[in-house]
């Protein structure tokens, strides 16, 4: 049976992840799921976000950062970083990823393993 994958390496999404980009940050407060739009950027291996003042998140909060792009099926691409927040200075917070998932539907191919 053939297996198809849309998974790509983080570096394969350079065009999407270069510079500052819009993203969503999801988290849970008092048992309720919340999501806010954030400005984000990658600095080497670091995932940095600027939170709105209304986001009540402390260091160590568990979060999911979602970056996606594309309008049509074969244009869809993105990354999801799940982890914890910590202060990064200069009004920014860092998402310290425990797991990163990336995809690019235009790069779909038969899996080799």
PDB file of N, CA and C in Angstrom:
ATOM      1  N   UNK A   1       0.833  -1.173   0.000  1.00  0.00           N
ATOM      2  CA  UNK A   1       0.000   0.000   0.000  1.00  0.00           C
ATOM      3  C   UNK A   1       0.885   1.247   0.000  1.00  0.00           C
ATOM      4  N   UNK A   2       0.576   2.184  -0.867  1.00  0.00           N
ATOM      5  CA  UNK A   2       1.335   3.426  -0.922  1.00  0.00           C
ATOM      6  C   UNK A   2       0.938   4.326   0.240  1.00  0.00           C
ATOM      7  N   UNK A   3       1.912   5.002   0.781  1.00  0.00           N
ATOM      8  CA  UNK A   3       1.676   5.972   1.849  1.00  0.00           C
ATOM      9  C   UNK A   3       2.091   7.349   1.345  1.00  0.00           C
ATOM     10  N   UNK A   4       1.221   8.328   1.506  1.00  0.00           N
ATOM     11  CA  UNK A   4       1.474   9.688   1.041  1.00  0.00           C
ATOM     12  C   UNK A   4       1.715  10.585   2.256  1.00  0.00           C
ATOM     13  N   UNK A   5       2.660  11.510   2.137  1.00  0.00           N
ATOM     14  CA  UNK A   5       2.929  12.456   3.220  1.00  0.00           C
ATOM     15  C   UNK A   5       2.922  13.881   2.690  1.00  0.00           C
ATOM     16  N   UNK A   6       2.552  14.804   3.541  1.00  0.00           N
ATOM     17  CA  UNK A   6       2.612  16.226   3.223  1.00  0.00           C
ATOM     18  C   UNK A   6       3.577  16.931   4.170  1.00  0.00           C
ATOM     19  N   UNK A   7       4.246  16.147   5.033  1.00  0.00           N
ATOM     20  CA  UNK A   7       5.175  16.679   6.012  1.00  0.00           C
ATOM     21  C   UNK A   7       6.434  17.199   5.336  1.00  0.00           C
ATOM     22  N   UNK A   8       6.907  18.348   5.787  1.00  0.00           N
ATOM     23  CA  UNK A   8       8.153  18.930   5.297  1.00  0.00           C
ATOM     24  C   UNK A   8       8.976  19.376   6.503  1.00  0.00           C
ATOM     25  N   UNK A   9      10.243  19.673   6.275  1.00  0.00           N
ATOM     26  CA  UNK A   9      11.101  20.200   7.334  1.00  0.00           C
ATOM     27  C   UNK A   9      10.772  21.671   7.573  1.00  0.00           C
ATOM     28  N   UNK A  10      11.046  22.148   8.777  1.00  0.00           N
ATOM     29  CA  UNK A  10      10.801  23.560   9.095  1.00  0.00           C
ATOM     30  C   UNK A  10      11.529  24.455   8.104  1.00  0.00           C
ATOM     31  N   UNK A  11      12.750  24.103   7.740  1.00  0.00           N
ATOM     32  CA  UNK A  11      13.524  24.926   6.800  1.00  0.00           C
ATOM     33  C   UNK A  11      12.877  24.994   5.420  1.00  0.00           C
ATOM     34  N   UNK A  12      12.055  24.013   5.063  1.00  0.00           N
ATOM     35  CA  UNK A  12      11.358  24.044   3.772  1.00  0.00           C
ATOM     36  C   UNK A  12      10.281  25.130   3.727  1.00  0.00           C
ATOM     37  N   UNK A  13       9.923  25.678   4.876  1.00  0.00           N
ATOM     38  CA  UNK A  13       8.899  26.723   4.952  1.00  0.00           C
ATOM     39  C   UNK A  13       9.518  28.108   5.151  1.00  0.00           C
ATOM     40  N   UNK A  14      10.775  28.261   4.770  1.00  0.00           N
ATOM     41  CA  UNK A  14      11.475  29.529   4.964  1.00  0.00           C
ATOM     42  C   UNK A  14      10.678  30.726   4.459  1.00  0.00           C
ATOM     43  N   UNK A  15      10.091  30.628   3.283  1.00  0.00           N
ATOM     44  CA  UNK A  15       9.328  31.750   2.733  1.00  0.00           C
ATOM     45  C   UNK A  15       8.171  32.171   3.616  1.00  0.00           C
ATOM     46  N   UNK A  16       7.565  31.225   4.307  1.00  0.00           N
ATOM     47  CA  UNK A  16       6.445  31.515   5.201  1.00  0.00           C
ATOM     48  C   UNK A  16       6.933  32.024   6.554  1.00  0.00           C
ATOM     49  N   UNK A  17       8.052  31.486   7.027  1.00  0.00           N
ATOM     50  CA  UNK A  17       8.502  31.754   8.389  1.00  0.00           C
ATOM     51  C   UNK A  17       9.592  32.810   8.497  1.00  0.00           C
ATOM     52  N   UNK A  18      10.019  33.399   7.383  1.00  0.00           N
ATOM     53  CA  UNK A  18      11.020  34.466   7.434  1.00  0.00           C
ATOM     54  C   UNK A  18      10.367  35.766   7.875  1.00  0.00           C
ATOM     55  N   UNK A  19      11.106  36.588   8.590  1.00  0.00           N
ATOM     56  CA  UNK A  19      10.600  37.893   9.002  1.00  0.00           C
ATOM     57  C   UNK A  19       9.534  37.772  10.078  1.00  0.00           C
ATOM     58  N   UNK A  20       8.704  38.792  10.173  1.00  0.00           N
ATOM     59  CA  UNK A  20       7.605  38.814  11.137  1.00  0.00           C
ATOM     60  C   UNK A  20       6.326  38.418  10.410  1.00  0.00           C
ATOM     61  N   UNK A  21       5.527  37.582  11.039  1.00  0.00           N
ATOM     62  CA  UNK A  21       4.321  37.078  10.390  1.00  0.00           C
ATOM     63  C   UNK A  21       3.179  37.005  11.394  1.00  0.00           C
ATOM     64  N   UNK A  22       1.968  36.976  10.882  1.00  0.00           N
ATOM     65  CA  UNK A  22       0.791  36.806  11.722  1.00  0.00           C
ATOM     66  C   UNK A  22       0.605  35.337  12.062  1.00  0.00           C
ATOM     67  N   UNK A  23       0.139  35.077  13.270  1.00  0.00           N
ATOM     68  CA  UNK A  23      -0.077  33.705  13.716  1.00  0.00           C
ATOM     69  C   UNK A  23      -1.189  33.719  14.765  1.00  0.00           C
ATOM     70  N   UNK A  24      -1.562  32.547  15.219  1.00  0.00           N
ATOM     71  CA  UNK A  24      -2.528  32.416  16.308  1.00  0.00           C
ATOM     72  C   UNK A  24      -1.876  31.655  17.443  1.00  0.00           C
ATOM     73  N   UNK A  25      -2.168  32.079  18.665  1.00  0.00           N
ATOM     74  CA  UNK A  25      -1.676  31.401  19.850  1.00  0.00           C
ATOM     75  C   UNK A  25      -2.888  30.896  20.616  1.00  0.00           C
ATOM     76  N   UNK A  26      -2.952  29.599  20.837  1.00  0.00           N
ATOM     77  CA  UNK A  26      -4.068  28.983  21.556  1.00  0.00           C
ATOM     78  C   UNK A  26      -3.593  28.549  22.939  1.00  0.00           C
ATOM     79  N   UNK A  27      -4.495  28.644  23.921  1.00  0.00           N
ATOM     80  CA  UNK A  27      -4.164  28.290  25.299  1.00  0.00           C
ATOM     81  C   UNK A  27      -5.463  28.042  26.057  1.00  0.00           C
ATOM     82  N   UNK A  28      -5.348  27.559  27.279  1.00  0.00           N
ATOM     83  CA  UNK A  28      -6.521  27.290  28.115  1.00  0.00           C
ATOM     84  C   UNK A  28      -6.426  28.147  29.376  1.00  0.00           C
ATOM     85  N   UNK A  29      -7.519  28.850  29.697  1.00  0.00           N
ATOM     86  CA  UNK A  29      -7.615  29.644  30.926  1.00  0.00           C
ATOM     87  C   UNK A  29      -8.900  29.238  31.634  1.00  0.00           C
ATOM     88  N   UNK A  30      -8.781  28.819  32.889  1.00  0.00           N
ATOM     89  CA  UNK A  30      -9.946  28.408  33.684  1.00  0.00           C
ATOM     90  C   UNK A  30     -10.798  27.378  32.950  1.00  0.00           C
ATOM     91  N   UNK A  31     -10.149  26.433  32.293  1.00  0.00           N
ATOM     92  CA  UNK A  31     -10.853  25.362  31.607  1.00  0.00           C
ATOM     93  C   UNK A  31     -11.455  25.736  30.267  1.00  0.00           C
ATOM     94  N   UNK A  32     -11.257  26.966  29.825  1.00  0.00           N
ATOM     95  CA  UNK A  32     -11.809  27.437  28.549  1.00  0.00           C
ATOM     96  C   UNK A  32     -10.697  27.647  27.531  1.00  0.00           C
ATOM     97  N   UNK A  33     -10.896  27.128  26.328  1.00  0.00           N
ATOM     98  CA  UNK A  33      -9.924  27.328  25.249  1.00  0.00           C
ATOM     99  C   UNK A  33     -10.029  28.755  24.722  1.00  0.00           C
ATOM    100  N   UNK A  34      -8.892  29.378  24.508  1.00  0.00           N
ATOM    101  CA  UNK A  34      -8.818  30.739  23.973  1.00  0.00           C
ATOM    102  C   UNK A  34      -7.815  30.745  22.825  1.00  0.00           C
ATOM    103  N   UNK A  35      -7.964  31.675  21.915  1.00  0.00           N
ATOM    104  CA  UNK A  35      -6.991  31.865  20.834  1.00  0.00           C
ATOM    105  C   UNK A  35      -6.908  33.353  20.531  1.00  0.00           C
ATOM    106  N   UNK A  36      -5.693  33.842  20.358  1.00  0.00           N
ATOM    107  CA  UNK A  36      -5.486  35.253  20.031  1.00  0.00           C
ATOM    108  C   UNK A  36      -4.548  35.359  18.839  1.00  0.00           C
ATOM    109  N   UNK A  37      -4.753  36.399  18.066  1.00  0.00           N
ATOM    110  CA  UNK A  37      -3.859  36.691  16.944  1.00  0.00           C
ATOM    111  C   UNK A  37      -2.617  37.347  17.529  1.00  0.00           C
ATOM    112  N   UNK A  38      -1.441  36.911  17.083  1.00  0.00           N
ATOM    113  CA  UNK A  38      -0.174  37.448  17.577  1.00  0.00           C
ATOM    114  C   UNK A  38       0.757  37.757  16.414  1.00  0.00           C
ATOM    115  N   UNK A  39       1.707  38.632  16.679  1.00  0.00           N
ATOM    116  CA  UNK A  39       2.819  38.833  15.754  1.00  0.00           C
ATOM    117  C   UNK A  39       3.897  37.858  16.200  1.00  0.00           C
ATOM    118  N   UNK A  40       4.461  37.147  15.249  1.00  0.00           N
ATOM    119  CA  UNK A  40       5.449  36.127  15.589  1.00  0.00           C
ATOM    120  C   UNK A  40       6.641  36.227  14.647  1.00  0.00           C
ATOM    121  N   UNK A  41       7.745  35.631  15.083  1.00  0.00           N
ATOM    122  CA  UNK A  41       8.918  35.539  14.220  1.00  0.00           C
ATOM    123  C   UNK A  41       9.793  34.400  14.711  1.00  0.00           C
ATOM    124  N   UNK A  42      10.568  33.857  13.794  1.00  0.00           N
ATOM    125  CA  UNK A  42      11.572  32.854  14.156  1.00  0.00           C
ATOM    126  C   UNK A  42      12.913  33.552  14.206  1.00  0.00           C
ATOM    127  N   UNK A  43      13.654  33.269  15.255  1.00  0.00           N
ATOM    128  CA  UNK A  43      15.003  33.792  15.421  1.00  0.00           C
ATOM    129  C   UNK A  43      15.903  32.579  15.606  1.00  0.00           C
ATOM    130  N   UNK A  44      16.427  32.069  14.494  1.00  0.00           N
ATOM    131  CA  UNK A  44      17.172  30.810  14.561  1.00  0.00           C
ATOM    132  C   UNK A  44      16.217  29.687  14.903  1.00  0.00           C
ATOM    133  N   UNK A  45      16.447  29.053  16.040  1.00  0.00           N
ATOM    134  CA  UNK A  45      15.573  27.970  16.499  1.00  0.00           C
ATOM    135  C   UNK A  45      14.482  28.475  17.446  1.00  0.00           C
ATOM    136  N   UNK A  46      14.487  29.761  17.761  1.00  0.00           N
ATOM    137  CA  UNK A  46      13.529  30.320  18.719  1.00  0.00           C
ATOM    138  C   UNK A  46      12.261  30.785  18.010  1.00  0.00           C
ATOM    139  N   UNK A  47      11.097  30.543  18.647  1.00  0.00           N
ATOM    140  CA  UNK A  47       9.787  30.979  18.154  1.00  0.00           C
ATOM    141  C   UNK A  47       9.321  32.089  19.085  1.00  0.00           C
ATOM    142  N   UNK A  48       9.349  33.349  18.605  1.00  0.00           N
ATOM    143  CA  UNK A  48       9.028  34.510  19.431  1.00  0.00           C
ATOM    144  C   UNK A  48       7.661  35.074  19.069  1.00  0.00           C
ATOM    145  N   UNK A  49       6.918  35.522  20.099  1.00  0.00           N
ATOM    146  CA  UNK A  49       5.596  36.108  19.873  1.00  0.00           C
ATOM    147  C   UNK A  49       5.453  37.383  20.693  1.00  0.00           C
ATOM    148  N   UNK A  50       4.633  38.301  20.183  1.00  0.00           N
ATOM    149  CA  UNK A  50       4.234  39.500  20.920  1.00  0.00           C
ATOM    150  C   UNK A  50       2.769  39.321  21.282  1.00  0.00           C
ATOM    151  N   UNK A  51       2.496  39.174  22.564  1.00  0.00           N
ATOM    152  CA  UNK A  51       1.127  38.933  23.026  1.00  0.00           C
ATOM    153  C   UNK A  51       0.365  40.234  23.208  1.00  0.00           C
ATOM    154  N   UNK A  52      -0.935  40.220  22.937  1.00  0.00           N
ATOM    155  CA  UNK A  52      -1.753  41.386  23.281  1.00  0.00           C
ATOM    156  C   UNK A  52      -1.824  41.514  24.805  1.00  0.00           C
ATOM    157  N   UNK A  53      -2.004  42.730  25.285  1.00  0.00           N
ATOM    158  CA  UNK A  53      -2.040  42.975  26.733  1.00  0.00           C
ATOM    159  C   UNK A  53      -3.138  42.172  27.430  1.00  0.00           C
ATOM    160  N   UNK A  54      -4.204  41.851  26.718  1.00  0.00           N
ATOM    161  CA  UNK A  54      -5.340  41.142  27.321  1.00  0.00           C
ATOM    162  C   UNK A  54      -5.088  39.643  27.503  1.00  0.00           C
ATOM    163  N   UNK A  55      -4.009  39.113  26.955  1.00  0.00           N
ATOM    164  CA  UNK A  55      -3.741  37.671  27.071  1.00  0.00           C
ATOM    165  C   UNK A  55      -3.090  37.395  28.429  1.00  0.00           C
ATOM    166  N   UNK A  56      -3.802  36.738  29.355  1.00  0.00           N
ATOM    167  CA  UNK A  56      -3.330  36.542  30.726  1.00  0.00           C
ATOM    168  C   UNK A  56      -2.422  35.319  30.866  1.00  0.00           C
ATOM    169  N   UNK A  57      -1.267  35.336  30.219  1.00  0.00           N
ATOM    170  CA  UNK A  57      -0.409  34.153  30.222  1.00  0.00           C
ATOM    171  C   UNK A  57       0.876  34.401  31.006  1.00  0.00           C
ATOM    172  N   UNK A  58       1.197  33.456  31.867  1.00  0.00           N
ATOM    173  CA  UNK A  58       2.415  33.537  32.665  1.00  0.00           C
ATOM    174  C   UNK A  58       3.463  32.607  32.080  1.00  0.00           C
ATOM    175  N   UNK A  59       4.704  32.786  32.507  1.00  0.00           N
ATOM    176  CA  UNK A  59       5.752  31.860  32.095  1.00  0.00           C
ATOM    177  C   UNK A  59       5.349  30.444  32.493  1.00  0.00           C
ATOM    178  N   UNK A  60       5.621  29.506  31.617  1.00  0.00           N
ATOM    179  CA  UNK A  60       5.269  28.115  31.866  1.00  0.00           C
ATOM    180  C   UNK A  60       3.901  27.723  31.340  1.00  0.00           C
ATOM    181  N   UNK A  61       3.122  28.697  30.851  1.00  0.00           N
ATOM    182  CA  UNK A  61       1.797  28.382  30.303  1.00  0.00           C
ATOM    183  C   UNK A  61       1.950  27.485  29.080  1.00  0.00           C
ATOM    184  N   UNK A  62       1.095  26.491  28.964  1.00  0.00           N
ATOM    185  CA  UNK A  62       1.114  25.586  27.812  1.00  0.00           C
ATOM    186  C   UNK A  62       0.332  26.232  26.676  1.00  0.00           C
ATOM    187  N   UNK A  63       0.949  26.268  25.486  1.00  0.00           N
ATOM    188  CA  UNK A  63       0.362  26.967  24.344  1.00  0.00           C
ATOM    189  C   UNK A  63       0.587  26.181  23.059  1.00  0.00           C
ATOM    190  N   UNK A  64      -0.160  26.574  22.034  1.00  0.00           N
ATOM    191  CA  UNK A  64       0.057  26.081  20.671  1.00  0.00           C
ATOM    192  C   UNK A  64       0.131  27.303  19.767  1.00  0.00           C
ATOM    193  N   UNK A  65       1.222  27.416  19.019  1.00  0.00           N
ATOM    194  CA  UNK A  65       1.406  28.492  18.046  1.00  0.00           C
ATOM    195  C   UNK A  65       1.100  27.919  16.672  1.00  0.00           C
ATOM    196  N   UNK A  66       0.182  28.562  15.937  1.00  0.00           N
ATOM    197  CA  UNK A  66      -0.223  28.076  14.620  1.00  0.00           C
ATOM    198  C   UNK A  66       0.055  29.140  13.573  1.00  0.00           C
ATOM    199  N   UNK A  67       0.821  28.760  12.565  1.00  0.00           N
ATOM    200  CA  UNK A  67       1.120  29.618  11.425  1.00  0.00           C
ATOM    201  C   UNK A  67       0.641  28.873  10.198  1.00  0.00           C
ATOM    202  N   UNK A  68      -0.214  29.492   9.393  1.00  0.00           N
ATOM    203  CA  UNK A  68      -0.653  28.808   8.178  1.00  0.00           C
ATOM    204  C   UNK A  68      -0.845  29.809   7.050  1.00  0.00           C
ATOM    205  N   UNK A  69      -0.876  29.277   5.836  1.00  0.00           N
ATOM    206  CA  UNK A  69      -0.961  30.107   4.644  1.00  0.00           C
ATOM    207  C   UNK A  69      -1.612  29.285   3.544  1.00  0.00           C
ATOM    208  N   UNK A  70      -2.222  29.964   2.599  1.00  0.00           N
ATOM    209  CA  UNK A  70      -2.795  29.294   1.443  1.00  0.00           C
ATOM    210  C   UNK A  70      -4.300  29.414   1.406  1.00  0.00           C
ATOM    211  N   UNK A  71      -4.811  29.495   0.201  1.00  0.00           N
ATOM    212  CA  UNK A  71      -6.251  29.626   0.017  1.00  0.00           C
ATOM    213  C   UNK A  71      -6.844  28.353  -0.573  1.00  0.00           C
ATOM    214  N   UNK A  72      -6.149  27.755  -1.508  1.00  0.00           N
ATOM    215  CA  UNK A  72      -6.633  26.547  -2.166  1.00  0.00           C
ATOM    216  C   UNK A  72      -5.852  25.334  -1.663  1.00  0.00           C
ATOM    217  N   UNK A  73      -6.421  24.146  -1.855  1.00  0.00           N
ATOM    218  CA  UNK A  73      -5.885  22.918  -1.278  1.00  0.00           C
ATOM    219  C   UNK A  73      -4.380  22.765  -1.470  1.00  0.00           C
ATOM    220  N   UNK A  74      -3.891  22.872  -2.692  1.00  0.00           N
ATOM    221  CA  UNK A  74      -2.473  22.643  -2.934  1.00  0.00           C
ATOM    222  C   UNK A  74      -1.606  23.858  -2.613  1.00  0.00           C
ATOM    223  N   UNK A  75      -2.191  24.899  -2.033  1.00  0.00           N
ATOM    224  CA  UNK A  75      -1.426  26.046  -1.546  1.00  0.00           C
ATOM    225  C   UNK A  75      -1.253  25.988  -0.027  1.00  0.00           C
ATOM    226  N   UNK A  76      -1.967  25.080   0.636  1.00  0.00           N
ATOM    227  CA  UNK A  76      -1.957  25.040   2.095  1.00  0.00           C
ATOM    228  C   UNK A  76      -0.600  24.602   2.622  1.00  0.00           C
ATOM    229  N   UNK A  77      -0.066  25.405   3.558  1.00  0.00           N
ATOM    230  CA  UNK A  77       1.200  25.076   4.200  1.00  0.00           C
ATOM    231  C   UNK A  77       1.225  25.750   5.556  1.00  0.00           C
ATOM    232  N   UNK A  78       2.007  25.223   6.464  1.00  0.00           N
ATOM    233  CA  UNK A  78       2.055  25.842   7.780  1.00  0.00           C
ATOM    234  C   UNK A  78       2.886  25.065   8.769  1.00  0.00           C
ATOM    235  N   UNK A  79       2.856  25.566   9.999  1.00  0.00           N
ATOM    236  CA  UNK A  79       3.585  24.943  11.100  1.00  0.00           C
ATOM    237  C   UNK A  79       2.777  25.123  12.379  1.00  0.00           C
ATOM    238  N   UNK A  80       2.900  24.132  13.257  1.00  0.00           N
ATOM    239  CA  UNK A  80       2.270  24.191  14.569  1.00  0.00           C
ATOM    240  C   UNK A  80       3.328  23.826  15.601  1.00  0.00           C
ATOM    241  N   UNK A  81       3.563  24.722  16.557  1.00  0.00           N
ATOM    242  CA  UNK A  81       4.535  24.469  17.623  1.00  0.00           C
ATOM    243  C   UNK A  81       3.779  24.400  18.945  1.00  0.00           C
ATOM    244  N   UNK A  82       3.844  23.240  19.599  1.00  0.00           N
ATOM    245  CA  UNK A  82       3.187  23.058  20.898  1.00  0.00           C
ATOM    246  C   UNK A  82       4.266  23.067  21.973  1.00  0.00           C
ATOM    247  N   UNK A  83       4.060  23.860  23.029  1.00  0.00           N
ATOM    248  CA  UNK A  83       5.065  23.922  24.080  1.00  0.00           C
ATOM    249  C   UNK A  83       4.656  24.853  25.201  1.00  0.00           C
ATOM    250  N   UNK A  84       5.652  25.499  25.811  1.00  0.00           N
ATOM    251  CA  UNK A  84       5.414  26.398  26.930  1.00  0.00           C
ATOM    252  C   UNK A  84       5.974  27.782  26.623  1.00  0.00           C
ATOM    253  N   UNK A  85       5.427  28.772  27.317  1.00  0.00           N
ATOM    254  CA  UNK A  85       5.875  30.157  27.145  1.00  0.00           C
ATOM    255  C   UNK A  85       6.946  30.504  28.160  1.00  0.00           C
ATOM    256  N   UNK A  86       7.870  31.372  27.745  1.00  0.00           N
ATOM    257  CA  UNK A  86       8.800  31.973  28.697  1.00  0.00           C
ATOM    258  C   UNK A  86       9.152  33.369  28.205  1.00  0.00           C
ATOM    259  N   UNK A  87       9.572  34.217  29.142  1.00  0.00           N
ATOM    260  CA  UNK A  87       9.913  35.595  28.808  1.00  0.00           C
ATOM    261  C   UNK A  87      11.150  35.611  27.917  1.00  0.00           C
ATOM    262  N   UNK A  88      11.107  36.428  26.865  1.00  0.00           N
ATOM    263  CA  UNK A  88      12.244  36.547  25.951  1.00  0.00           C
ATOM    264  C   UNK A  88      12.812  37.960  25.969  1.00  0.00           C
ATOM    265  N   UNK A  89      12.287  38.838  26.832  1.00  0.00           N
ATOM    266  CA  UNK A  89      12.753  40.217  26.907  1.00  0.00           C
ATOM    267  C   UNK A  89      12.175  41.062  25.791  1.00  0.00           C
ATOM    268  N   UNK A  90      12.345  42.375  25.899  1.00  0.00           N
ATOM    269  CA  UNK A  90      11.907  43.331  24.874  1.00  0.00           C
ATOM    270  C   UNK A  90      10.431  43.172  24.512  1.00  0.00           C
ATOM    271  N   UNK A  91       9.591  42.824  25.493  1.00  0.00           N
ATOM    272  CA  UNK A  91       8.157  42.704  25.241  1.00  0.00           C
ATOM    273  C   UNK A  91       7.751  41.461  24.476  1.00  0.00           C
ATOM    274  N   UNK A  92       8.668  40.531  24.318  1.00  0.00           N
ATOM    275  CA  UNK A  92       8.358  39.304  23.585  1.00  0.00           C
ATOM    276  C   UNK A  92       8.357  38.109  24.522  1.00  0.00           C
ATOM    277  N   UNK A  93       7.668  37.060  24.082  1.00  0.00           N
ATOM    278  CA  UNK A  93       7.669  35.774  24.783  1.00  0.00           C
ATOM    279  C   UNK A  93       8.152  34.728  23.803  1.00  0.00           C
ATOM    280  N   UNK A  94       8.758  33.695  24.325  1.00  0.00           N
ATOM    281  CA  UNK A  94       9.241  32.600  23.485  1.00  0.00           C
ATOM    282  C   UNK A  94       8.372  31.377  23.707  1.00  0.00           C
ATOM    283  N   UNK A  95       7.968  30.748  22.615  1.00  0.00           N
ATOM    284  CA  UNK A  95       7.306  29.452  22.695  1.00  0.00           C
ATOM    285  C   UNK A  95       8.423  28.417  22.636  1.00  0.00           C
ATOM    286  N   UNK A  96       8.610  27.689  23.735  1.00  0.00           N
ATOM    287  CA  UNK A  96       9.628  26.641  23.794  1.00  0.00           C
ATOM    288  C   UNK A  96       8.941  25.354  23.350  1.00  0.00           C
ATOM    289  N   UNK A  97       9.205  24.924  22.109  1.00  0.00           N
ATOM    290  CA  UNK A  97       8.423  23.812  21.560  1.00  0.00           C
ATOM    291  C   UNK A  97       8.791  22.456  22.148  1.00  0.00           C
ATOM    292  N   UNK A  98       7.760  21.667  22.412  1.00  0.00           N
ATOM    293  CA  UNK A  98       7.924  20.257  22.748  1.00  0.00           C
ATOM    294  C   UNK A  98       7.735  19.422  21.489  1.00  0.00           C
ATOM    295  N   UNK A  99       6.897  19.925  20.583  1.00  0.00           N
ATOM    296  CA  UNK A  99       6.636  19.226  19.322  1.00  0.00           C
ATOM    297  C   UNK A  99       6.318  20.256  18.248  1.00  0.00           C
ATOM    298  N   UNK A 100       6.892  20.052  17.067  1.00  0.00           N
ATOM    299  CA  UNK A 100       6.621  20.915  15.919  1.00  0.00           C
ATOM    300  C   UNK A 100       6.109  20.037  14.786  1.00  0.00           C
ATOM    301  N   UNK A 101       4.993  20.436  14.194  1.00  0.00           N
ATOM    302  CA  UNK A 101       4.417  19.736  13.045  1.00  0.00           C
ATOM    303  C   UNK A 101       4.378  20.729  11.892  1.00  0.00           C
ATOM    304  N   UNK A 102       4.852  20.310  10.721  1.00  0.00           N
ATOM    305  CA  UNK A 102       4.848  21.177   9.538  1.00  0.00           C
ATOM    306  C   UNK A 102       4.157  20.466   8.385  1.00  0.00           C
ATOM    307  N   UNK A 103       3.611  21.253   7.450  1.00  0.00           N
ATOM    308  CA  UNK A 103       2.959  20.654   6.289  1.00  0.00           C
ATOM    309  C   UNK A 103       3.037  21.591   5.100  1.00  0.00           C
ATOM    310  N   UNK A 104       2.993  20.995   3.925  1.00  0.00           N
ATOM    311  CA  UNK A 104       2.941  21.736   2.663  1.00  0.00           C
ATOM    312  C   UNK A 104       2.258  20.820   1.657  1.00  0.00           C
ATOM    313  N   UNK A 105       1.005  21.103   1.354  1.00  0.00           N
ATOM    314  CA  UNK A 105       0.240  20.232   0.465  1.00  0.00           C
ATOM    315  C   UNK A 105       0.797  20.223  -0.952  1.00  0.00           C
ATOM    316  N   UNK A 106       1.481  21.283  -1.366  1.00  0.00           N
ATOM    317  CA  UNK A 106       2.085  21.307  -2.702  1.00  0.00           C
ATOM    318  C   UNK A 106       3.264  20.346  -2.791  1.00  0.00           C
ATOM    319  N   UNK A 107       3.797  19.942  -1.646  1.00  0.00           N
ATOM    320  CA  UNK A 107       4.956  19.046  -1.621  1.00  0.00           C
ATOM    321  C   UNK A 107       4.547  17.596  -1.357  1.00  0.00           C
ATOM    322  N   UNK A 108       3.252  17.265  -1.501  1.00  0.00           N
ATOM    323  CA  UNK A 108       2.807  15.891  -1.251  1.00  0.00           C
ATOM    324  C   UNK A 108       3.563  14.917  -2.128  1.00  0.00           C
ATOM    325  N   UNK A 109       3.944  13.802  -1.527  1.00  0.00           N
ATOM    326  CA  UNK A 109       4.721  12.802  -2.247  1.00  0.00           C
ATOM    327  C   UNK A 109       4.543  11.453  -1.569  1.00  0.00           C
ATOM    328  N   UNK A 110       4.981  10.434  -2.249  1.00  0.00           N
ATOM    329  CA  UNK A 110       4.938   9.102  -1.668  1.00  0.00           C
ATOM    330  C   UNK A 110       6.014   9.002  -0.600  1.00  0.00           C
ATOM    331  N   UNK A 111       5.640   8.481   0.556  1.00  0.00           N
ATOM    332  CA  UNK A 111       6.582   8.334   1.658  1.00  0.00           C
ATOM    333  C   UNK A 111       7.579   7.234   1.316  1.00  0.00           C
ATOM    334  N   UNK A 112       8.851   7.452   1.637  1.00  0.00           N
ATOM    335  CA  UNK A 112       9.883   6.469   1.303  1.00  0.00           C
ATOM    336  C   UNK A 112      10.100   5.456   2.409  1.00  0.00           C
ATOM    337  N   UNK A 113       9.633   5.721   3.611  1.00  0.00           N
ATOM    338  CA  UNK A 113       9.832   4.739   4.690  1.00  0.00           C
ATOM    339  C   UNK A 113       8.550   4.450   5.407  1.00  0.00           C
TER     340      UNK A 113
END
